[in-house]
C-alpha atoms as a PDB file:
ATOM      1  CA  MET A   1      -1.823  -3.659 -11.575  1.00  0.00           C
ATOM      2  CA  SER A   2       1.276  -4.141  -9.472  1.00  0.00           C
ATOM      3  CA  ILE A   3       3.874  -1.456  -8.965  1.00  0.00           C
ATOM      4  CA  ARG A   4       7.378  -2.257 -10.119  1.00  0.00           C
ATOM      5  CA  TYR A   5      10.236  -1.427  -7.813  1.00  0.00           C
ATOM      6  CA  GLY A   6      12.783   1.218  -8.688  1.00  0.00           C
ATOM      7  CA  LEU A   7      10.774   3.456 -11.011  1.00  0.00           C
ATOM      8  CA  LYS A   8      11.838   7.085 -10.757  1.00  0.00           C
ATOM      9  CA  VAL A   9       9.317   9.778  -9.925  1.00  0.00           C
ATOM     10  CA  GLY A  10       9.505  13.526 -10.269  1.00  0.00           C
ATOM     11  CA  LEU A  11       8.365  16.365  -8.065  1.00  0.00           C
ATOM     12  CA  ASP A  12       5.104  16.669 -10.022  1.00  0.00           C
ATOM     13  CA  ASP A  13       4.304  13.011  -9.250  1.00  0.00           C
ATOM     14  CA  VAL A  14       4.998  13.501  -5.544  1.00  0.00           C
ATOM     15  CA  LEU A  15       2.918  16.700  -5.361  1.00  0.00           C
ATOM     16  CA  SER A  16       0.029  15.142  -7.294  1.00  0.00           C
ATOM     17  CA  ASN A  17       0.042  12.158  -4.945  1.00  0.00           C
ATOM     18  CA  LYS A  18       0.100  14.465  -1.922  1.00  0.00           C
ATOM     19  CA  GLU A  19      -2.993  16.274  -3.249  1.00  0.00           C
ATOM     20  CA  ALA A  20      -4.764  12.941  -3.715  1.00  0.00           C
ATOM     21  CA  ARG A  21      -3.774  11.890  -0.173  1.00  0.00           C
ATOM     22  CA  VAL A  22      -5.199  15.104   1.328  1.00  0.00           C
ATOM     23  CA  LYS A  23      -8.439  14.564  -0.605  1.00  0.00           C
ATOM     24  CA  ARG A  24      -8.610  10.946   0.615  1.00  0.00           C
ATOM     25  CA  GLN A  25      -8.031  12.112   4.199  1.00  0.00           C
ATOM     26  CA  GLY A  26     -10.931  14.565   3.902  1.00  0.00           C
ATOM     27  CA  GLU A  27     -13.202  11.789   2.646  1.00  0.00           C
ATOM     28  CA  TRP A  28     -12.110   9.525   5.506  1.00  0.00           C
ATOM     29  CA  LEU A  29     -12.753  12.246   8.095  1.00  0.00           C
ATOM     30  CA  LYS A  30     -16.307  12.658   6.787  1.00  0.00           C
ATOM     31  CA  ARG A  31     -16.889   8.899   6.733  1.00  0.00           C
ATOM     32  CA  HIS A  32     -15.391   7.998  10.123  1.00  0.00           C
ATOM     33  CA  SER A  33     -15.344  11.168  12.296  1.00  0.00           C
ATOM     34  CA  LEU A  34     -12.263   9.760  14.051  1.00  0.00           C
ATOM     35  CA  PRO A  35      -8.597  10.754  14.285  1.00  0.00           C
ATOM     36  CA  LEU A  36      -6.696   9.592  11.225  1.00  0.00           C
ATOM     37  CA  LEU A  37      -3.193   8.248  10.897  1.00  0.00           C
ATOM     38  CA  SER A  38      -1.457   8.800   7.573  1.00  0.00           C
ATOM     39  CA  PHE A  39       1.676   6.673   7.143  1.00  0.00           C
ATOM     40  CA  THR A  40       4.317   7.158   4.462  1.00  0.00           C
ATOM     41  CA  VAL A  41       7.977   6.188   4.274  1.00  0.00           C
ATOM     42  CA  ASN A  42      10.711   8.833   4.448  1.00  0.00           C
ATOM     43  CA  MET A  43      12.834   7.991   1.411  1.00  0.00           C
ATOM     44  CA  PRO A  44      15.005  10.615  -0.261  1.00  0.00           C
ATOM     45  CA  GLY A  45      15.584  10.606  -3.995  1.00  0.00           C
ATOM     46  CA  PRO A  46      13.521   9.768  -7.066  1.00  0.00           C
ATOM     47  CA  GLN A  47      12.959   6.070  -6.298  1.00  0.00           C
ATOM     48  CA  LYS A  48      10.147   5.875  -3.761  1.00  0.00           C
ATOM     49  CA  MET A  49       8.887   2.306  -4.262  1.00  0.00           C
ATOM     50  CA  THR A  50      11.740  -0.110  -3.617  1.00  0.00           C
ATOM     51  CA  GLU A  51      12.260  -3.341  -1.722  1.00  0.00           C
ATOM     52  CA  CYS A  52      13.741  -1.183   1.032  1.00  0.00           C
ATOM     53  CA  THR A  53      10.686   1.088   1.335  1.00  0.00           C
ATOM     54  CA  GLU A  54       8.416  -1.962   1.202  1.00  0.00           C
ATOM     55  CA  ARG A  55      10.235  -3.506   4.188  1.00  0.00           C
ATOM     56  CA  ILE A  56      10.051  -0.250   6.150  1.00  0.00           C
ATOM     57  CA  PHE A  57       6.345  -0.010   5.318  1.00  0.00           C
ATOM     58  CA  GLU A  58       5.613  -3.576   6.440  1.00  0.00           C
ATOM     59  CA  GLN A  59       7.465  -2.996   9.724  1.00  0.00           C
ATOM     60  CA  GLY A  60       5.567   0.264  10.227  1.00  0.00           C
ATOM     61  CA  VAL A  61       2.147  -1.285   9.641  1.00  0.00           C
ATOM     62  CA  GLN A  62       3.000  -4.047  12.137  1.00  0.00           C
ATOM     63  CA  ALA A  63       4.177  -1.492  14.717  1.00  0.00           C
ATOM     64  CA  ILE A  64       1.026   0.622  14.266  1.00  0.00           C
ATOM     65  CA  GLN A  65      -1.256  -2.376  14.664  1.00  0.00           C
ATOM     66  CA  ALA A  66       0.689  -3.607  17.712  1.00  0.00           C
ATOM     67  CA  ILE A  67       0.608  -0.289  19.579  1.00  0.00           C
ATOM     68  CA  CYS A  68      -3.108   0.207  18.841  1.00  0.00           C
ATOM     69  CA  LEU A  69      -3.822  -3.312  20.105  1.00  0.00           C
ATOM     70  CA  GLU A  70      -1.686  -2.686  23.206  1.00  0.00           C
ATOM     71  CA  LYS A  71      -3.655   0.485  23.962  1.00  0.00           C
ATOM     72  CA  GLY A  72      -7.012  -1.160  23.265  1.00  0.00           C
ATOM     73  CA  TRP A  73      -7.778   1.004  20.235  1.00  0.00           C
ATOM     74  CA  SER A  74      -9.616  -0.557  17.327  1.00  0.00           C
ATOM     75  CA  MET A  75      -9.458   0.580  13.734  1.00  0.00           C
ATOM     76  CA  ALA A  76     -12.662   1.631  12.019  1.00  0.00           C
ATOM     77  CA  GLY A  77     -10.861   1.677   8.685  1.00  0.00           C
ATOM     78  CA  ARG A  78      -7.538   0.807   7.114  1.00  0.00           C
ATOM     79  CA  GLN A  79      -6.242   1.223   3.579  1.00  0.00           C
ATOM     80  CA  LEU A  80      -2.785   0.176   2.368  1.00  0.00           C
ATOM     81  CA  LEU A  81      -1.582   1.551  -0.965  1.00  0.00           C
ATOM     82  CA  ARG A  82       1.503   0.773  -2.996  1.00  0.00           C
ATOM     83  CA  GLN A  83       2.115   3.406  -5.630  1.00  0.00           C
ATOM     84  CA  VAL A  84       5.021   4.546  -7.743  1.00  0.00           C
ATOM     85  CA  THR A  85       5.407   7.438  -5.255  1.00  0.00           C
ATOM     86  CA  GLY A  86       5.890   4.909  -2.447  1.00  0.00           C
ATOM     87  CA  PRO A  87       3.836   2.825  -0.075  1.00  0.00           C
ATOM     88  CA  GLU A  88       1.320   4.597   2.132  1.00  0.00           C
ATOM     89  CA  ALA A  89      -1.507   3.795   4.496  1.00  0.00           C
ATOM     90  CA  ILE A  90      -4.412   5.525   6.161  1.00  0.00           C
ATOM     91  CA  PHE A  91      -6.048   4.360   9.379  1.00  0.00           C
ATOM     92  CA  ALA A  92      -9.164   5.630  11.177  1.00  0.00           C
ATOM     93  CA  VAL A  93      -8.337   4.885  14.817  1.00  0.00           C
ATOM     94  CA  GLN A  94     -10.765   4.743  17.727  1.00  0.00           C
ATOM     95  CA  ALA A  95      -8.287   6.429  20.067  1.00  0.00           C
ATOM     96  CA  PRO A  96      -9.446   8.682  22.937  1.00  0.00           C
ATOM     97  CA  ASN A  97      -8.308  11.694  20.883  1.00  0.00           C
ATOM     98  CA  ALA A  98      -5.784  12.768  18.256  1.00  0.00           C
ATOM     99  CA  MET A  99      -3.225  13.854  20.882  1.00  0.00           C
ATOM    100  CA  ALA A 100      -3.158  10.366  22.425  1.00  0.00           C
ATOM    101  CA  LEU A 101      -2.754   8.851  18.965  1.00  0.00           C
ATOM    102  CA  LYS A 102       0.107  11.246  18.139  1.00  0.00           C
ATOM    103  CA  ARG A 103       1.897  10.363  21.389  1.00  0.00           C
ATOM    104  CA  ALA A 104       1.641   6.680  20.457  1.00  0.00           C
ATOM    105  CA  MET A 105       3.033   7.374  16.984  1.00  0.00           C
ATOM    106  CA  ILE A 106       5.913   9.355  18.483  1.00  0.00           C
ATOM    107  CA  GLU A 107       6.697   6.238  20.552  1.00  0.00           C
ATOM    108  CA  ILE A 108       7.079   4.309  17.298  1.00  0.00           C
ATOM    109  CA  GLU A 109       9.122   7.060  15.626  1.00  0.00           C
ATOM    110  CA  ASN A 110      11.439   7.301  18.628  1.00  0.00           C
ATOM    111  CA  ASN A 111      11.720   3.658  19.705  1.00  0.00           C
ATOM    112  CA  HIS A 112      11.295   1.412  16.666  1.00  0.00           C
ATOM    113  CA  ARG A 113      14.579   0.587  14.955  1.00  0.00           C
ATOM    114  CA  LEU A 114      13.197   1.939  11.662  1.00  0.00           C
ATOM    115  CA  GLY A 115      10.942   4.577  13.240  1.00  0.00           C
ATOM    116  CA  ARG A 116      12.980   7.473  11.927  1.00  0.00           C
ATOM    117  CA  LEU A 117      12.167   6.308   8.412  1.00  0.00           C
ATOM    118  CA  MET A 118       8.429   6.375   9.091  1.00  0.00           C
ATOM    119  CA  ASP A 119       6.314   9.488   8.598  1.00  0.00           C
ATOM    120  CA  LEU A 120       3.351   9.009  10.946  1.00  0.00           C
ATOM    121  CA  ASP A 121       1.036  12.002  10.598  1.00  0.00           C
ATOM    122  CA  VAL A 122      -2.011  12.284  12.845  1.00  0.00           C
ATOM    123  CA  ILE A 123      -5.003  14.331  11.713  1.00  0.00           C
ATOM    124  CA  ASP A 124      -7.684  15.326  14.216  1.00  0.00           C
ATOM    125  CA  VAL A 125     -11.418  15.189  13.464  1.00  0.00           C
ATOM    126  CA  ASP A 126     -11.308  18.833  12.313  1.00  0.00           C
ATOM    127  CA  GLY A 127      -8.625  18.036   9.716  1.00  0.00           C
ATOM    128  CA  LYS A 128      -5.742  19.624  11.642  1.00  0.00           C
ATOM    129  CA  ILE A 129      -2.368  17.849  11.607  1.00  0.00           C
ATOM    130  CA  ILE A 130      -1.054  17.233  15.126  1.00  0.00           C
ATOM    131  CA  SER A 131       2.638  18.118  15.189  1.00  0.00           C
ATOM    132  CA  ARG A 132       5.531  16.846  17.279  1.00  0.00           C
ATOM    133  CA  LYS A 133       6.037  20.440  18.414  1.00  0.00           C
ATOM    134  CA  GLY A 134       2.449  20.538  19.672  1.00  0.00           C
ATOM    135  CA  GLN A 135       3.331  17.558  21.851  1.00  0.00           C
ATOM    136  CA  GLY A 136       6.378  19.346  23.286  1.00  0.00           C
ATOM    137  CA  MET A 137       8.731  17.243  21.166  1.00  0.00           C
ATOM    138  CA  THR A 138      11.723  18.486  19.227  1.00  0.00           C
ATOM    139  CA  ARG A 139      11.930  18.103  15.476  1.00  0.00           C
ATOM    140  CA  ARG A 140      13.410  14.924  14.066  1.00  0.00           C
ATOM    141  CA  LYS A 141      17.162  14.531  13.846  1.00  0.00           C
ATOM    142  CA  CYS A 142      19.137  13.829  10.688  1.00  0.00           C
ATOM    143  CA  LEU A 143      19.883  10.155  10.058  1.00  0.00           C
ATOM    144  CA  ILE A 144      23.531  10.925   9.323  1.00  0.00           C
ATOM    145  CA  CYS A 145      24.697  13.688  11.673  1.00  0.00           C
ATOM    146  CA  GLU A 146      21.969  13.981  14.356  1.00  0.00           C
ATOM    147  CA  GLN A 147      21.383  17.683  13.591  1.00  0.00           C
ATOM    148  CA  ASP A 148      17.899  19.034  12.795  1.00  0.00           C
ATOM    149  CA  ALA A 149      16.705  16.934   9.828  1.00  0.00           C
ATOM    150  CA  VAL A 150      14.821  19.835   8.221  1.00  0.00           C
ATOM    151  CA  ILE A 151      17.945  22.003   8.159  1.00  0.00           C
ATOM    152  CA  CYS A 152      20.070  19.195   6.691  1.00  0.00           C
ATOM    153  CA  ALA A 153      17.454  18.433   4.040  1.00  0.00           C
ATOM    154  CA  ARG A 154      17.000  22.065   2.998  1.00  0.00           C
ATOM    155  CA  SER A 155      20.741  22.689   2.774  1.00  0.00           C
ATOM    156  CA  ARG A 156      21.358  19.300   1.118  1.00  0.00           C
ATOM    157  CA  LYS A 157      24.133  18.764   3.624  1.00  0.00           C
ATOM    158  CA  HIS A 158      24.386  15.058   2.748  1.00  0.00           C
ATOM    159  CA  ASP A 159      24.423  13.672  -0.775  1.00  0.00           C
ATOM    160  CA  LEU A 160      21.652  11.355  -1.924  1.00  0.00           C
ATOM    161  CA  GLN A 161      23.825   8.240  -2.168  1.00  0.00           C
ATOM    162  CA  THR A 162      25.048   8.656   1.434  1.00  0.00           C
ATOM    163  CA  LEU A 163      21.458   8.931   2.680  1.00  0.00           C
ATOM    164  CA  VAL A 164      20.154   5.992   0.630  1.00  0.00           C
ATOM    165  CA  SER A 165      23.126   3.784   1.607  1.00  0.00           C
ATOM    166  CA  HIS A 166      22.568   4.599   5.275  1.00  0.00           C
ATOM    167  CA  ILE A 167      18.860   3.767   5.022  1.00  0.00           C
ATOM    168  CA  GLU A 168      19.590   0.504   3.202  1.00  0.00           C
ATOM    169  CA  SER A 169      22.095  -0.476   5.903  1.00  0.00           C
ATOM    170  CA  MET A 170      19.500   0.261   8.605  1.00  0.00           C
ATOM    171  CA  VAL A 171      16.956  -1.967   6.865  1.00  0.00           C
ATOM    172  CA  CYS A 172      19.500  -4.728   6.231  1.00  0.00           C
ATOM    173  CA  TYR A 173      20.669  -4.586   9.859  1.00  0.00           C
ATOM    174  CA  ASP A 174      17.073  -4.770  11.009  1.00  0.00           C
ATOM    175  CA  GLU A 175      16.462  -7.897   8.920  1.00  0.00           C
ATOM    176  CA  CYS A 176      19.733  -9.631   9.759  1.00  0.00           C
ATOM    177  CA  CYS A 177      20.378  -8.677  13.340  1.00  0.00           C
ATOM    178  CA  SER A 178      17.137  -7.948  15.158  1.00  0.00           C
END
């Protein structure tokens, strides 16, 4: 079954999918005993699976594979999913450790043109998420105003249409001008 673009999802759908993702991560940790990379797309609003999120996802998967290849890390497992709640992937990476993998993912988040739209979570072999803060990094900045993204999101400082339009222009610029 293929997922149609533009279907709207509710909070219950997103939370249910998050529970399933955490369960899948636990299964992968048992199977691989390696650091995991969980990749989702940061897309505000009720439409999580769109042509825009698909393009961000494809760029992210390419960037992940390229940086792992560059660092000489192989992947013991990879699963790409396209669901109504958005595209997501899980990778079991033969990196030296979870901290090294997180630093590599921060490189993508900070340097790739669409990196700010990519949520690249690293989970160590004990199931602990490795945070940006744990790597001495500041929290992500808002796409619109460069303030702390968490504060802007919680306060709903920017309306949904402004955020979505900005993301779409980033993706279009990436396709047309890179």
